Amino acid sequence: MEAPLCAGRGFCPDDCMCQTRIGEITMCAFELRENALGVEIHAGDQLLALYRATEELPRSESPKPCFAPLYTLSGQLVTEYRPPDHAWHTGLFFGWVHVNDANLWGGRWYLPETKKYEDVADSHGVQQHDGFTALEADGVTESLSWLDGRDQLMARESRSFGFYSTEGGYCLRISMRIEPAGDRLVMGASRAARYSGLVLRMGPSFAEADHYCSEGRQGHADIMHQHARWVGARGKSGGFVALMDHPSNPRHPVTWFTRANLLGTGLLIEGDLEIAAGECLELHHAFFVLDQDPGPTQIESLYADFAASPGELP
């Protein structure tokens, strides 16, 4: 069994002082490097992730921070970024189709009155990066503003994420807190598919991924719109990812939105969420990126460890 990777030191010995063990996850200091777009995470000389915080994109894509690319430790590409069919799909991202009167997902809105996806003027909002308040590989904290189609402030978000080594890969822990800037925030979803939440658009090797979930269902079609604690996806040519829903999240276990090349939470499938003034919405997820599929028993063990931890970065 290989020891966890330690940035700048090759493989990390069991007694490495940079390690703190939390169940089966090892907090081992990957290297964080800042760049013009945001931050990169490296294991030695290998790029694992780029977090795009400030990239300028067309307003029609509802610009939002995202992770793209993401790679396995062996170099397998996990994400697809701005594909021709849906340019607003940006790797691993938080997307919200309806927030008050704004589109924080991108693309057209589905209009019930026409039963079509239509362009709606001044509808595309922005999840705007305001700045980083902490920058470490095992703990990045970011402030964001949610702006509507006319650049009016709707909400403030605090987002935190960290990368941790685990056998055969790594885990990305990500948390967010959303607070309305005005009287309330109404978060809805597409009136057709109702997708919204943390979503992964998978790369070419995952274009026809094999999905399975904590409840024993297999295949993206059977998992779509069903509840599960976690969902995993295996690439046709190797590589495996698993997205997990923390038990402290609202509507846990979450409903899922899954396609052959897409893995996403569907927090709003069951209906809108309203956040009143003075209240907040918190979400906590774990995202595992592994070289091989360890099987549902091992994924369930990793989930149990995640579920037992506080609903925040460890």
C-alpha atoms as a PDB file:
ATOM      1  CA  MET A   1       0.000   0.000   0.000  1.00  0.00           C
ATOM      2  CA  GLU A   2       1.396   3.377  -0.961  1.00  0.00           C
ATOM      3  CA  ALA A   3       1.662   6.072   1.656  1.00  0.00           C
ATOM      4  CA  PRO A   4      -0.166   9.360   1.141  1.00  0.00           C
ATOM      5  CA  LEU A   5       1.467  11.923  -1.110  1.00  0.00           C
ATOM      6  CA  CYS A   6       3.206  14.852   0.511  1.00  0.00           C
ATOM      7  CA  ALA A   7       3.857  17.863  -1.690  1.00  0.00           C
ATOM      8  CA  GLY A   8       7.540  18.501  -2.240  1.00  0.00           C
ATOM      9  CA  ARG A   9       8.636  15.303  -0.489  1.00  0.00           C
ATOM     10  CA  GLY A  10       7.379  12.495  -2.724  1.00  0.00           C
ATOM     11  CA  PHE A  11       5.589   9.725  -0.851  1.00  0.00           C
ATOM     12  CA  CYS A  12       4.867  10.634   2.707  1.00  0.00           C
ATOM     13  CA  PRO A  13       6.085   8.223   5.428  1.00  0.00           C
ATOM     14  CA  ASP A  14       3.704   7.082   8.137  1.00  0.00           C
ATOM     15  CA  ASP A  15       5.431   9.266  10.731  1.00  0.00           C
ATOM     16  CA  CYS A  16       5.385  12.420   8.606  1.00  0.00           C
ATOM     17  CA  MET A  17       4.630  15.384  10.865  1.00  0.00           C
ATOM     18  CA  CYS A  18       2.458  16.989   8.174  1.00  0.00           C
ATOM     19  CA  GLN A  19      -0.209  14.327   8.643  1.00  0.00           C
ATOM     20  CA  THR A  20      -3.323  14.344  10.772  1.00  0.00           C
ATOM     21  CA  ARG A  21      -5.474  11.253  10.430  1.00  0.00           C
ATOM     22  CA  ILE A  22      -9.266  11.472  10.450  1.00  0.00           C
ATOM     23  CA  GLY A  23     -10.563   7.938  10.071  1.00  0.00           C
ATOM     24  CA  GLU A  24      -9.416   6.759   6.656  1.00  0.00           C
ATOM     25  CA  ILE A  25      -8.647  10.261   5.376  1.00  0.00           C
ATOM     26  CA  THR A  26      -5.198  11.758   5.871  1.00  0.00           C
ATOM     27  CA  MET A  27      -4.810  15.524   5.973  1.00  0.00           C
ATOM     28  CA  CYS A  28      -1.514  15.682   4.108  1.00  0.00           C
ATOM     29  CA  ALA A  29      -0.229  19.020   2.894  1.00  0.00           C
ATOM     30  CA  PHE A  30      -0.637  19.156  -0.864  1.00  0.00           C
ATOM     31  CA  GLU A  31       0.987  22.239  -2.301  1.00  0.00           C
ATOM     32  CA  LEU A  32      -1.165  25.255  -3.111  1.00  0.00           C
ATOM     33  CA  ARG A  33      -0.007  27.712  -5.764  1.00  0.00           C
ATOM     34  CA  GLU A  34      -1.738  30.963  -6.630  1.00  0.00           C
ATOM     35  CA  ASN A  35      -2.175  32.012 -10.245  1.00  0.00           C
ATOM     36  CA  ALA A  36      -4.032  34.673 -12.216  1.00  0.00           C
ATOM     37  CA  LEU A  37      -7.305  32.700 -12.183  1.00  0.00           C
ATOM     38  CA  GLY A  38      -7.295  31.479  -8.595  1.00  0.00           C
ATOM     39  CA  VAL A  39      -5.385  28.596  -7.046  1.00  0.00           C
ATOM     40  CA  GLU A  40      -3.787  25.324  -8.134  1.00  0.00           C
ATOM     41  CA  ILE A  41      -3.354  22.187  -6.022  1.00  0.00           C
ATOM     42  CA  HIS A  42      -0.281  20.055  -6.740  1.00  0.00           C
ATOM     43  CA  ALA A  43       1.101  16.723  -5.554  1.00  0.00           C
ATOM     44  CA  GLY A  44       4.783  17.261  -6.171  1.00  0.00           C
ATOM     45  CA  ASP A  45       5.072  18.350  -9.806  1.00  0.00           C
ATOM     46  CA  GLN A  46       1.645  17.003 -10.745  1.00  0.00           C
ATOM     47  CA  LEU A  47      -1.360  19.303 -11.079  1.00  0.00           C
ATOM     48  CA  LEU A  48      -4.414  17.837  -9.349  1.00  0.00           C
ATOM     49  CA  ALA A  49      -6.827  20.758  -9.505  1.00  0.00           C
ATOM     50  CA  LEU A  50      -7.303  24.304 -10.698  1.00  0.00           C
ATOM     51  CA  TYR A  51      -9.882  26.431  -8.906  1.00  0.00           C
ATOM     52  CA  ARG A  52     -11.004  29.145 -11.308  1.00  0.00           C
ATOM     53  CA  ALA A  53     -12.177  32.013  -9.117  1.00  0.00           C
ATOM     54  CA  THR A  54     -11.895  35.066 -11.353  1.00  0.00           C
ATOM     55  CA  GLU A  55     -12.076  33.976 -14.993  1.00  0.00           C
ATOM     56  CA  GLU A  56     -14.096  36.324 -17.211  1.00  0.00           C
ATOM     57  CA  LEU A  57     -16.802  34.431 -19.102  1.00  0.00           C
ATOM     58  CA  PRO A  58     -19.808  35.501 -21.206  1.00  0.00           C
ATOM     59  CA  ARG A  59     -22.694  36.726 -19.073  1.00  0.00           C
ATOM     60  CA  SER A  60     -24.979  34.185 -20.765  1.00  0.00           C
ATOM     61  CA  GLU A  61     -23.028  31.454 -18.965  1.00  0.00           C
ATOM     62  CA  SER A  62     -23.761  32.920 -15.494  1.00  0.00           C
ATOM     63  CA  PRO A  63     -20.074  33.110 -14.468  1.00  0.00           C
ATOM     64  CA  LYS A  64     -19.214  31.159 -11.329  1.00  0.00           C
ATOM     65  CA  PRO A  65     -16.084  29.823  -9.614  1.00  0.00           C
ATOM     66  CA  CYS A  66     -15.349  26.188 -10.431  1.00  0.00           C
ATOM     67  CA  PHE A  67     -12.826  23.372 -10.294  1.00  0.00           C
ATOM     68  CA  ALA A  68     -11.502  22.635 -13.789  1.00  0.00           C
ATOM     69  CA  PRO A  69      -9.482  20.673 -14.517  1.00  0.00           C
ATOM     70  CA  LEU A  70      -9.469  17.944 -11.869  1.00  0.00           C
ATOM     71  CA  TYR A  71      -7.156  14.943 -12.331  1.00  0.00           C
ATOM     72  CA  THR A  72      -6.698  11.618 -10.583  1.00  0.00           C
ATOM     73  CA  LEU A  73      -3.279  10.950  -9.043  1.00  0.00           C
ATOM     74  CA  SER A  74      -2.362   8.931 -12.142  1.00  0.00           C
ATOM     75  CA  GLY A  75      -3.280  11.835 -14.420  1.00  0.00           C
ATOM     76  CA  GLN A  76      -6.746  10.823 -15.615  1.00  0.00           C
ATOM     77  CA  LEU A  77      -8.868  13.884 -16.507  1.00  0.00           C
ATOM     78  CA  VAL A  78     -12.084  13.920 -14.476  1.00  0.00           C
ATOM     79  CA  THR A  79     -13.761  17.131 -15.659  1.00  0.00           C
ATOM     80  CA  GLU A  80     -15.050  18.684 -18.851  1.00  0.00           C
ATOM     81  CA  TYR A  81     -14.937  22.473 -19.054  1.00  0.00           C
ATOM     82  CA  ARG A  82     -17.310  24.549 -21.190  1.00  0.00           C
ATOM     83  CA  PRO A  83     -18.287  21.771 -23.623  1.00  0.00           C
ATOM     84  CA  PRO A  84     -19.903  22.817 -26.918  1.00  0.00           C
ATOM     85  CA  ASP A  85     -23.317  21.447 -25.948  1.00  0.00           C
ATOM     86  CA  HIS A  86     -23.497  23.301 -22.598  1.00  0.00           C
ATOM     87  CA  ALA A  87     -20.788  25.963 -22.316  1.00  0.00           C
ATOM     88  CA  TRP A  88     -21.996  26.865 -18.804  1.00  0.00           C
ATOM     89  CA  HIS A  89     -21.005  23.396 -17.523  1.00  0.00           C
ATOM     90  CA  THR A  90     -17.659  24.212 -15.929  1.00  0.00           C
ATOM     91  CA  GLY A  91     -16.138  21.092 -14.382  1.00  0.00           C
ATOM     92  CA  LEU A  92     -17.169  20.825 -10.729  1.00  0.00           C
ATOM     93  CA  PHE A  93     -19.350  23.791  -9.790  1.00  0.00           C
ATOM     94  CA  PHE A  94     -22.293  25.071  -7.777  1.00  0.00           C
ATOM     95  CA  GLY A  95     -25.109  26.010 -10.143  1.00  0.00           C
ATOM     96  CA  TRP A  96     -28.526  27.430  -9.253  1.00  0.00           C
ATOM     97  CA  VAL A  97     -31.090  27.774 -12.028  1.00  0.00           C
ATOM     98  CA  HIS A  98     -33.476  30.159 -10.243  1.00  0.00           C
ATOM     99  CA  VAL A  99     -32.445  32.494  -7.402  1.00  0.00           C
ATOM    100  CA  ASN A 100     -35.167  35.092  -6.968  1.00  0.00           C
ATOM    101  CA  ASP A 101     -35.383  36.419 -10.545  1.00  0.00           C
ATOM    102  CA  ALA A 102     -31.841  35.486 -11.566  1.00  0.00           C
ATOM    103  CA  ASN A 103     -30.247  32.571 -13.402  1.00  0.00           C
ATOM    104  CA  LEU A 104     -27.092  31.412 -11.599  1.00  0.00           C
ATOM    105  CA  TRP A 105     -26.770  28.279 -13.723  1.00  0.00           C
ATOM    106  CA  GLY A 106     -26.293  29.581 -17.262  1.00  0.00           C
ATOM    107  CA  GLY A 107     -27.964  29.108 -20.602  1.00  0.00           C
ATOM    108  CA  ARG A 108     -31.653  29.456 -21.308  1.00  0.00           C
ATOM    109  CA  TRP A 109     -34.560  29.198 -18.892  1.00  0.00           C
ATOM    110  CA  TYR A 110     -37.367  26.715 -19.308  1.00  0.00           C
ATOM    111  CA  LEU A 111     -40.628  28.690 -19.503  1.00  0.00           C
ATOM    112  CA  PRO A 112     -43.774  26.729 -18.586  1.00  0.00           C
ATOM    113  CA  GLU A 113     -45.966  29.019 -20.685  1.00  0.00           C
ATOM    114  CA  THR A 114     -44.104  28.112 -23.887  1.00  0.00           C
ATOM    115  CA  LYS A 115     -42.844  24.687 -22.755  1.00  0.00           C
ATOM    116  CA  LYS A 116     -39.490  25.616 -24.266  1.00  0.00           C
ATOM    117  CA  TYR A 117     -36.077  26.803 -23.160  1.00  0.00           C
ATOM    118  CA  GLU A 118     -35.954  30.523 -23.978  1.00  0.00           C
ATOM    119  CA  ASP A 119     -33.512  33.415 -23.718  1.00  0.00           C
ATOM    120  CA  VAL A 120     -34.697  35.797 -20.984  1.00  0.00           C
ATOM    121  CA  ALA A 121     -33.249  39.304 -21.023  1.00  0.00           C
ATOM    122  CA  ASP A 122     -31.292  40.464 -17.965  1.00  0.00           C
ATOM    123  CA  SER A 123     -31.713  37.109 -16.237  1.00  0.00           C
ATOM    124  CA  HIS A 124     -28.116  35.882 -15.984  1.00  0.00           C
ATOM    125  CA  GLY A 125     -26.525  36.565 -12.640  1.00  0.00           C
ATOM    126  CA  VAL A 126     -23.003  36.029 -11.309  1.00  0.00           C
ATOM    127  CA  GLN A 127     -21.459  34.190  -8.377  1.00  0.00           C
ATOM    128  CA  GLN A 128     -18.758  36.816  -7.967  1.00  0.00           C
ATOM    129  CA  HIS A 129     -15.455  36.046  -6.256  1.00  0.00           C
ATOM    130  CA  ASP A 130     -14.718  38.841  -3.783  1.00  0.00           C
ATOM    131  CA  GLY A 131     -11.502  37.460  -2.314  1.00  0.00           C
ATOM    132  CA  PHE A 132      -9.740  34.683  -0.451  1.00  0.00           C
ATOM    133  CA  THR A 133      -9.539  35.004   3.322  1.00  0.00           C
ATOM    134  CA  ALA A 134      -7.448  31.846   3.863  1.00  0.00           C
ATOM    135  CA  LEU A 135      -5.120  30.074   1.440  1.00  0.00           C
ATOM    136  CA  GLU A 136      -3.775  26.658   2.442  1.00  0.00           C
ATOM    137  CA  ALA A 137      -4.104  23.360   0.568  1.00  0.00           C
ATOM    138  CA  ASP A 138      -6.063  21.886   3.468  1.00  0.00           C
ATOM    139  CA  GLY A 139      -8.170  24.986   4.014  1.00  0.00           C
ATOM    140  CA  VAL A 140      -9.118  27.669   1.472  1.00  0.00           C
ATOM    141  CA  THR A 141     -11.820  30.158   2.412  1.00  0.00           C
ATOM    142  CA  GLU A 142     -13.462  32.449  -0.116  1.00  0.00           C
ATOM    143  CA  SER A 143     -16.009  35.266   0.006  1.00  0.00           C
ATOM    144  CA  LEU A 144     -18.526  35.602  -2.839  1.00  0.00           C
ATOM    145  CA  SER A 145     -21.385  37.902  -3.799  1.00  0.00           C
ATOM    146  CA  TRP A 146     -24.428  36.655  -5.684  1.00  0.00           C
ATOM    147  CA  LEU A 147     -25.516  39.316  -8.175  1.00  0.00           C
ATOM    148  CA  ASP A 148     -28.692  39.287 -10.240  1.00  0.00           C
ATOM    149  CA  GLY A 149     -28.980  40.127 -13.929  1.00  0.00           C
ATOM    150  CA  ARG A 150     -28.727  43.844 -13.157  1.00  0.00           C
ATOM    151  CA  ASP A 151     -25.765  43.391 -10.786  1.00  0.00           C
ATOM    152  CA  GLN A 152     -27.860  43.941  -7.671  1.00  0.00           C
ATOM    153  CA  LEU A 153     -26.656  42.060  -4.589  1.00  0.00           C
ATOM    154  CA  MET A 154     -28.917  39.120  -3.700  1.00  0.00           C
ATOM    155  CA  ALA A 155     -26.804  37.117  -1.254  1.00  0.00           C
ATOM    156  CA  ARG A 156     -23.391  36.696   0.320  1.00  0.00           C
ATOM    157  CA  GLU A 157     -21.614  33.371   0.394  1.00  0.00           C
ATOM    158  CA  SER A 158     -18.698  32.027   2.397  1.00  0.00           C
ATOM    159  CA  ARG A 159     -17.120  28.966   0.753  1.00  0.00           C
ATOM    160  CA  SER A 160     -14.400  26.722   2.169  1.00  0.00           C
ATOM    161  CA  PHE A 161     -12.615  23.766   0.661  1.00  0.00           C
ATOM    162  CA  GLY A 162      -9.610  21.565   1.335  1.00  0.00           C
ATOM    163  CA  PHE A 163      -7.774  18.655  -0.273  1.00  0.00           C
ATOM    164  CA  TYR A 164      -6.876  15.557   1.738  1.00  0.00           C
ATOM    165  CA  SER A 165      -4.996  12.417   0.787  1.00  0.00           C
ATOM    166  CA  THR A 166      -6.669   9.011   0.916  1.00  0.00           C
ATOM    167  CA  GLU A 167      -5.638   5.599  -0.364  1.00  0.00           C
ATOM    168  CA  GLY A 168      -5.543   5.628  -4.150  1.00  0.00           C
ATOM    169  CA  GLY A 169      -6.441   9.283  -4.521  1.00  0.00           C
ATOM    170  CA  TYR A 170      -7.688  12.308  -2.651  1.00  0.00           C
ATOM    171  CA  CYS A 171     -10.777  13.871  -1.123  1.00  0.00           C
ATOM    172  CA  LEU A 172     -12.061  17.397  -1.704  1.00  0.00           C
ATOM    173  CA  ARG A 173     -14.150  18.663   1.205  1.00  0.00           C
ATOM    174  CA  ILE A 174     -16.275  21.682   0.326  1.00  0.00           C
ATOM    175  CA  SER A 175     -18.655  23.729   2.467  1.00  0.00           C
ATOM    176  CA  MET A 176     -20.722  26.826   1.793  1.00  0.00           C
ATOM    177  CA  ARG A 177     -22.887  29.251   3.771  1.00  0.00           C
ATOM    178  CA  ILE A 178     -25.404  31.461   1.944  1.00  0.00           C
ATOM    179  CA  GLU A 179     -27.045  34.498   3.565  1.00  0.00           C
ATOM    180  CA  PRO A 180     -29.643  36.758   1.892  1.00  0.00           C
ATOM    181  CA  ALA A 181     -28.658  40.367   1.349  1.00  0.00           C
ATOM    182  CA  GLY A 182     -32.297  41.498   1.416  1.00  0.00           C
ATOM    183  CA  ASP A 183     -35.533  40.291   2.946  1.00  0.00           C
ATOM    184  CA  ARG A 184     -35.321  36.754   1.600  1.00  0.00           C
ATOM    185  CA  LEU A 185     -33.769  34.483  -0.981  1.00  0.00           C
ATOM    186  CA  VAL A 186     -35.918  32.021  -2.919  1.00  0.00           C
ATOM    187  CA  MET A 187     -33.905  29.246  -4.529  1.00  0.00           C
ATOM    188  CA  GLY A 188     -35.713  27.267  -7.186  1.00  0.00           C
ATOM    189  CA  ALA A 189     -34.722  25.069 -10.079  1.00  0.00           C
ATOM    190  CA  SER A 190     -35.565  24.293 -13.663  1.00  0.00           C
ATOM    191  CA  ARG A 191     -39.279  23.711 -14.052  1.00  0.00           C
ATOM    192  CA  ALA A 192     -38.317  20.863 -16.408  1.00  0.00           C
ATOM    193  CA  ALA A 193     -35.517  18.979 -14.633  1.00  0.00           C
ATOM    194  CA  ARG A 194     -35.152  20.926 -11.347  1.00  0.00           C
ATOM    195  CA  TYR A 195     -31.384  20.508 -11.263  1.00  0.00           C
ATOM    196  CA  SER A 196     -29.411  22.755  -8.903  1.00  0.00           C
ATOM    197  CA  GLY A 197     -26.584  22.270  -6.419  1.00  0.00           C
ATOM    198  CA  LEU A 198     -23.067  20.857  -6.622  1.00  0.00           C
ATOM    199  CA  VAL A 199     -22.603  19.320 -10.067  1.00  0.00           C
ATOM    200  CA  LEU A 200     -19.794  17.551 -11.934  1.00  0.00           C
ATOM    201  CA  ARG A 201     -19.633  17.586 -15.726  1.00  0.00           C
ATOM    202  CA  MET A 202     -17.406  14.601 -16.383  1.00  0.00           C
ATOM    203  CA  GLY A 203     -14.541  14.436 -18.852  1.00  0.00           C
ATOM    204  CA  PRO A 204     -14.255  12.275 -21.986  1.00  0.00           C
ATOM    205  CA  SER A 205     -13.127   9.119 -20.178  1.00  0.00           C
ATOM    206  CA  PHE A 206     -16.256   9.405 -18.021  1.00  0.00           C
ATOM    207  CA  ALA A 207     -18.570  10.209 -20.938  1.00  0.00           C
ATOM    208  CA  GLU A 208     -20.398   6.907 -20.420  1.00  0.00           C
ATOM    209  CA  ALA A 209     -19.674   6.446 -16.722  1.00  0.00           C
ATOM    210  CA  ASP A 210     -21.048   3.548 -14.695  1.00  0.00           C
ATOM    211  CA  HIS A 211     -22.960   4.999 -11.738  1.00  0.00           C
ATOM    212  CA  TYR A 212     -23.956   3.289  -8.502  1.00  0.00           C
ATOM    213  CA  CYS A 213     -25.245   4.643  -5.209  1.00  0.00           C
ATOM    214  CA  SER A 214     -25.521   4.007  -1.483  1.00  0.00           C
ATOM    215  CA  GLU A 215     -29.018   2.562  -1.860  1.00  0.00           C
ATOM    216  CA  GLY A 216     -27.894  -0.204  -4.224  1.00  0.00           C
ATOM    217  CA  ARG A 217     -29.177   1.294  -7.478  1.00  0.00           C
ATOM    218  CA  GLN A 218     -26.986   1.033 -10.565  1.00  0.00           C
ATOM    219  CA  GLY A 219     -26.949   3.127 -13.712  1.00  0.00           C
ATOM    220  CA  HIS A 220     -27.585   6.854 -14.036  1.00  0.00           C
ATOM    221  CA  ALA A 221     -31.160   6.336 -15.245  1.00  0.00           C
ATOM    222  CA  ASP A 222     -32.145   4.397 -12.107  1.00  0.00           C
ATOM    223  CA  ILE A 223     -30.417   6.880  -9.790  1.00  0.00           C
ATOM    224  CA  MET A 224     -31.921   9.982 -11.439  1.00  0.00           C
ATOM    225  CA  HIS A 225     -34.398  11.745  -9.092  1.00  0.00           C
ATOM    226  CA  GLN A 226     -33.797   9.183  -6.309  1.00  0.00           C
ATOM    227  CA  HIS A 227     -32.489   9.747  -2.778  1.00  0.00           C
ATOM    228  CA  ALA A 228     -29.008   8.540  -1.794  1.00  0.00           C
ATOM    229  CA  ARG A 229     -26.280   9.405   0.694  1.00  0.00           C
ATOM    230  CA  TRP A 230     -23.630   9.158  -2.013  1.00  0.00           C
ATOM    231  CA  VAL A 231     -23.251   8.359  -5.701  1.00  0.00           C
ATOM    232  CA  GLY A 232     -20.120   7.017  -7.388  1.00  0.00           C
ATOM    233  CA  ALA A 233     -19.172   6.942 -11.076  1.00  0.00           C
ATOM    234  CA  ARG A 234     -16.579   4.721 -12.729  1.00  0.00           C
ATOM    235  CA  GLY A 235     -14.864   5.786 -15.947  1.00  0.00           C
ATOM    236  CA  LYS A 236     -14.767   3.398 -18.880  1.00  0.00           C
ATOM    237  CA  SER A 237     -10.972   3.620 -19.100  1.00  0.00           C
ATOM    238  CA  GLY A 238     -10.255   3.890 -15.386  1.00  0.00           C
ATOM    239  CA  GLY A 239     -10.730   6.433 -12.674  1.00  0.00           C
ATOM    240  CA  PHE A 240     -13.526   6.769 -10.141  1.00  0.00           C
ATOM    241  CA  VAL A 241     -15.314   9.641  -8.412  1.00  0.00           C
ATOM    242  CA  ALA A 242     -17.838   9.747  -5.580  1.00  0.00           C
ATOM    243  CA  LEU A 243     -19.923  12.694  -4.394  1.00  0.00           C
ATOM    244  CA  MET A 244     -21.301  12.618  -0.839  1.00  0.00           C
ATOM    245  CA  ASP A 245     -24.092  14.463   0.964  1.00  0.00           C
ATOM    246  CA  HIS A 246     -23.484  15.305   4.637  1.00  0.00           C
ATOM    247  CA  PRO A 247     -26.292  14.316   7.049  1.00  0.00           C
ATOM    248  CA  SER A 248     -26.486  17.903   8.334  1.00  0.00           C
ATOM    249  CA  ASN A 249     -27.551  19.152   4.886  1.00  0.00           C
ATOM    250  CA  PRO A 250     -31.203  20.059   4.313  1.00  0.00           C
ATOM    251  CA  ARG A 251     -33.289  17.352   2.618  1.00  0.00           C
ATOM    252  CA  HIS A 252     -30.688  14.688   3.395  1.00  0.00           C
ATOM    253  CA  PRO A 253     -30.300  12.220   1.807  1.00  0.00           C
ATOM    254  CA  VAL A 254     -30.395  14.458  -1.216  1.00  0.00           C
ATOM    255  CA  THR A 255     -32.162  13.684  -4.486  1.00  0.00           C
ATOM    256  CA  TRP A 256     -29.758  13.234  -7.404  1.00  0.00           C
ATOM    257  CA  PHE A 257     -29.519  14.483 -10.961  1.00  0.00           C
ATOM    258  CA  THR A 258     -27.463  12.002 -12.989  1.00  0.00           C
ATOM    259  CA  ARG A 259     -26.749  11.484 -16.653  1.00  0.00           C
ATOM    260  CA  ALA A 260     -24.157   9.391 -18.481  1.00  0.00           C
ATOM    261  CA  ASN A 261     -21.605  12.223 -18.244  1.00  0.00           C
ATOM    262  CA  LEU A 262     -23.013  14.154 -15.291  1.00  0.00           C
ATOM    263  CA  LEU A 263     -23.108  13.635 -11.540  1.00  0.00           C
ATOM    264  CA  GLY A 264     -24.973  16.190  -9.470  1.00  0.00           C
ATOM    265  CA  THR A 265     -26.959  16.819  -6.338  1.00  0.00           C
ATOM    266  CA  GLY A 266     -30.546  17.904  -6.914  1.00  0.00           C
ATOM    267  CA  LEU A 267     -31.270  19.806  -3.725  1.00  0.00           C
ATOM    268  CA  LEU A 268     -34.263  21.608  -5.260  1.00  0.00           C
ATOM    269  CA  ILE A 269     -35.885  18.708  -7.090  1.00  0.00           C
ATOM    270  CA  GLU A 270     -38.477  18.443  -4.311  1.00  0.00           C
ATOM    271  CA  GLY A 271     -39.297  22.148  -4.469  1.00  0.00           C
ATOM    272  CA  ASP A 272     -37.983  25.621  -3.764  1.00  0.00           C
ATOM    273  CA  LEU A 273     -36.019  26.599  -0.670  1.00  0.00           C
ATOM    274  CA  GLU A 274     -36.592  29.972   0.955  1.00  0.00           C
ATOM    275  CA  ILE A 275     -33.978  31.606   3.177  1.00  0.00           C
ATOM    276  CA  ALA A 276     -35.386  34.415   5.293  1.00  0.00           C
ATOM    277  CA  ALA A 277     -33.460  37.537   6.265  1.00  0.00           C
ATOM    278  CA  GLY A 278     -31.117  36.749   9.144  1.00  0.00           C
ATOM    279  CA  GLU A 279     -31.049  33.044   8.316  1.00  0.00           C
ATOM    280  CA  CYS A 280     -28.585  31.045   6.243  1.00  0.00           C
ATOM    281  CA  LEU A 281     -28.284  27.872   4.213  1.00  0.00           C
ATOM    282  CA  GLU A 282     -25.273  25.630   4.847  1.00  0.00           C
ATOM    283  CA  LEU A 283     -24.167  22.760   2.616  1.00  0.00           C
ATOM    284  CA  HIS A 284     -21.329  20.303   3.141  1.00  0.00           C
ATOM    285  CA  HIS A 285     -20.066  17.762   0.621  1.00  0.00           C
ATOM    286  CA  ALA A 286     -17.161  15.387   0.096  1.00  0.00           C
ATOM    287  CA  PHE A 287     -15.869  14.562  -3.369  1.00  0.00           C
ATOM    288  CA  PHE A 288     -13.474  11.636  -3.792  1.00  0.00           C
ATOM    289  CA  VAL A 289     -11.198  11.276  -6.823  1.00  0.00           C
ATOM    290  CA  LEU A 290      -9.591   7.829  -7.048  1.00  0.00           C
ATOM    291  CA  ASP A 291      -7.534   5.911  -9.584  1.00  0.00           C
ATOM    292  CA  GLN A 292      -9.667   2.782  -9.231  1.00  0.00           C
ATOM    293  CA  ASP A 293     -13.174   1.893  -8.095  1.00  0.00           C
ATOM    294  CA  PRO A 294     -12.758   0.495  -4.549  1.00  0.00           C
ATOM    295  CA  GLY A 295     -16.290  -0.924  -4.509  1.00  0.00           C
ATOM    296  CA  PRO A 296     -19.416   0.094  -2.593  1.00  0.00           C
ATOM    297  CA  THR A 297     -18.291  -1.366   0.744  1.00  0.00           C
ATOM    298  CA  GLN A 298     -15.191   0.820   0.839  1.00  0.00           C
ATOM    299  CA  ILE A 299     -17.099   3.882  -0.378  1.00  0.00           C
ATOM    300  CA  GLU A 300     -19.655   3.332   2.385  1.00  0.00           C
ATOM    301  CA  SER A 301     -16.790   3.211   4.888  1.00  0.00           C
ATOM    302  CA  LEU A 302     -15.447   6.516   3.583  1.00  0.00           C
ATOM    303  CA  TYR A 303     -18.939   7.964   3.772  1.00  0.00           C
ATOM    304  CA  ALA A 304     -19.363   6.832   7.400  1.00  0.00           C
ATOM    305  CA  ASP A 305     -16.159   8.670   8.263  1.00  0.00           C
ATOM    306  CA  PHE A 306     -17.369  11.819   6.472  1.00  0.00           C
ATOM    307  CA  ALA A 307     -20.815  11.631   8.090  1.00  0.00           C
ATOM    308  CA  ALA A 308     -19.307  11.324  11.572  1.00  0.00           C
ATOM    309  CA  SER A 309     -17.270  14.498  11.113  1.00  0.00           C
ATOM    310  CA  PRO A 310     -18.661  17.978  11.803  1.00  0.00           C
ATOM    311  CA  GLY A 311     -20.467  19.642   8.926  1.00  0.00           C
ATOM    312  CA  GLU A 312     -17.440  21.767   8.141  1.00  0.00           C
ATOM    313  CA  LEU A 313     -13.851  21.374   7.067  1.00  0.00           C
ATOM    314  CA  PRO A 314     -11.955  19.161   9.540  1.00  0.00           C
END
